[in-house]
Protein backbone atom coordinates (compact mmCIF):
# COMPACT_ATOMS: atom_id res chain seq x y z
CA MET A 1 -0.21 0.06 0.09
CA THR A 2 1.38 3.25 -0.88
CA PHE A 3 -1.44 5.74 -0.38
CA GLY A 4 -0.16 8.29 2.38
CA ARG A 5 3.46 6.76 2.88
CA ALA A 6 4.56 10.72 1.84
CA MET A 7 3.48 11.66 4.40
CA LEU A 8 4.29 9.16 7.01
CA ASP A 9 7.69 10.72 8.22
CA HIS A 10 5.19 13.32 9.88
CA TRP A 11 3.86 11.60 12.41
CA LEU A 12 5.44 9.60 15.10
CA LEU A 13 2.88 6.43 13.95
CA ASP A 14 4.28 2.93 13.65
CA PRO A 15 4.97 2.38 9.61
CA GLU A 16 4.01 -1.27 9.71
CA TRP A 17 0.38 0.29 10.15
CA ALA A 18 -2.17 1.51 8.47
CA TYR A 19 -3.40 3.92 10.93
CA LEU A 20 -6.99 4.76 9.63
CA ASN A 21 -8.91 6.31 13.00
CA HIS A 22 -7.59 10.10 13.47
CA GLY A 23 -11.12 11.39 13.76
CA THR A 24 -11.42 9.57 17.19
CA VAL A 25 -7.96 9.20 19.15
CA GLY A 26 -6.03 10.86 16.06
CA ALA A 27 -2.32 11.04 16.75
CA PRO A 28 -1.53 14.17 15.74
CA PRO A 29 1.48 15.15 13.41
CA ARG A 30 5.32 15.93 14.54
CA ARG A 31 5.20 19.18 14.47
CA VAL A 32 2.31 19.52 16.53
CA LEU A 33 3.13 17.48 18.91
CA GLU A 34 6.45 19.79 19.21
CA ARG A 35 4.74 22.75 19.68
CA GLN A 36 2.60 21.06 22.82
CA GLN A 37 5.46 20.12 24.21
CA ALA A 38 7.08 24.31 23.87
CA LEU A 39 4.15 24.99 25.52
CA ARG A 40 4.29 22.45 28.14
CA ASP A 41 7.90 23.77 28.82
CA GLU A 42 7.10 27.29 29.33
CA MET A 43 4.19 26.55 31.78
CA GLU A 44 6.82 24.08 33.88
CA ARG A 45 9.74 27.01 33.71
CA GLN A 46 7.29 29.40 35.61
CA PRO A 47 3.53 27.55 36.23
CA SER A 48 2.12 30.16 38.26
CA ARG A 49 3.09 33.40 35.97
CA PHE A 50 2.00 31.29 32.93
CA MET A 51 -1.54 29.71 34.59
CA LEU A 52 -2.42 33.63 36.47
CA ARG A 53 -0.67 36.28 34.16
CA GLU A 54 0.09 35.01 31.12
CA LEU A 55 -2.96 33.03 29.91
CA ASN A 56 -5.10 35.48 30.86
CA GLY A 57 -2.82 38.21 29.86
CA SER A 58 -2.91 40.30 32.89
CA HIS A 59 0.21 41.00 32.82
CA PRO A 60 1.78 39.42 29.97
CA MET A 61 5.97 39.05 29.51
CA PRO A 62 7.37 41.64 27.17
CA TRP A 63 7.61 39.24 24.05
CA ARG A 64 3.81 38.75 24.31
CA THR A 65 1.38 41.03 23.02
CA SER A 66 -1.45 42.55 25.02
CA THR A 67 -3.73 40.00 23.75
CA ARG A 68 -4.64 37.43 25.80
CA MET A 69 -3.63 33.61 25.25
CA ARG A 70 -6.93 32.09 25.88
CA GLU A 71 -8.71 34.51 23.63
CA ARG A 72 -6.02 34.52 20.53
CA THR A 73 -6.74 30.95 20.72
CA ARG A 74 -10.59 31.04 20.75
CA ARG A 75 -10.51 33.50 17.84
CA THR A 76 -7.94 31.00 15.78
CA ALA A 77 -10.09 27.88 16.07
CA GLY A 78 -13.32 29.99 15.36
CA SER A 79 -11.97 31.27 12.54
CA LEU A 80 -11.18 27.42 11.14
CA VAL A 81 -14.16 26.29 12.11
CA ARG A 82 -16.53 29.03 10.99
CA ALA A 83 -17.67 29.87 13.98
CA PRO A 84 -17.81 32.81 16.01
CA ALA A 85 -15.16 32.76 19.44
CA VAL A 86 -17.44 32.92 22.10
CA ALA A 87 -15.85 34.19 26.00
CA SER A 88 -16.37 31.60 28.19
């Protein structure tokens, strides 16, 4: 089976198997895993600062914009699925 083999390097999936269940318990691509790990690393360096300040944007670090991380994520996800970004 050759269908999809060119994309296999982008996942950590076992190359001996044809994984067809990305919708239910899908494996994210390597670049998504890398970004997730970068965010976890950032959180673990200063957990309180990240959760209380960075995530909510009350006192963002200089390299962040004034936009709250949570709001930015909501808008991005909303645009991907063509839905309004409703604040919680």
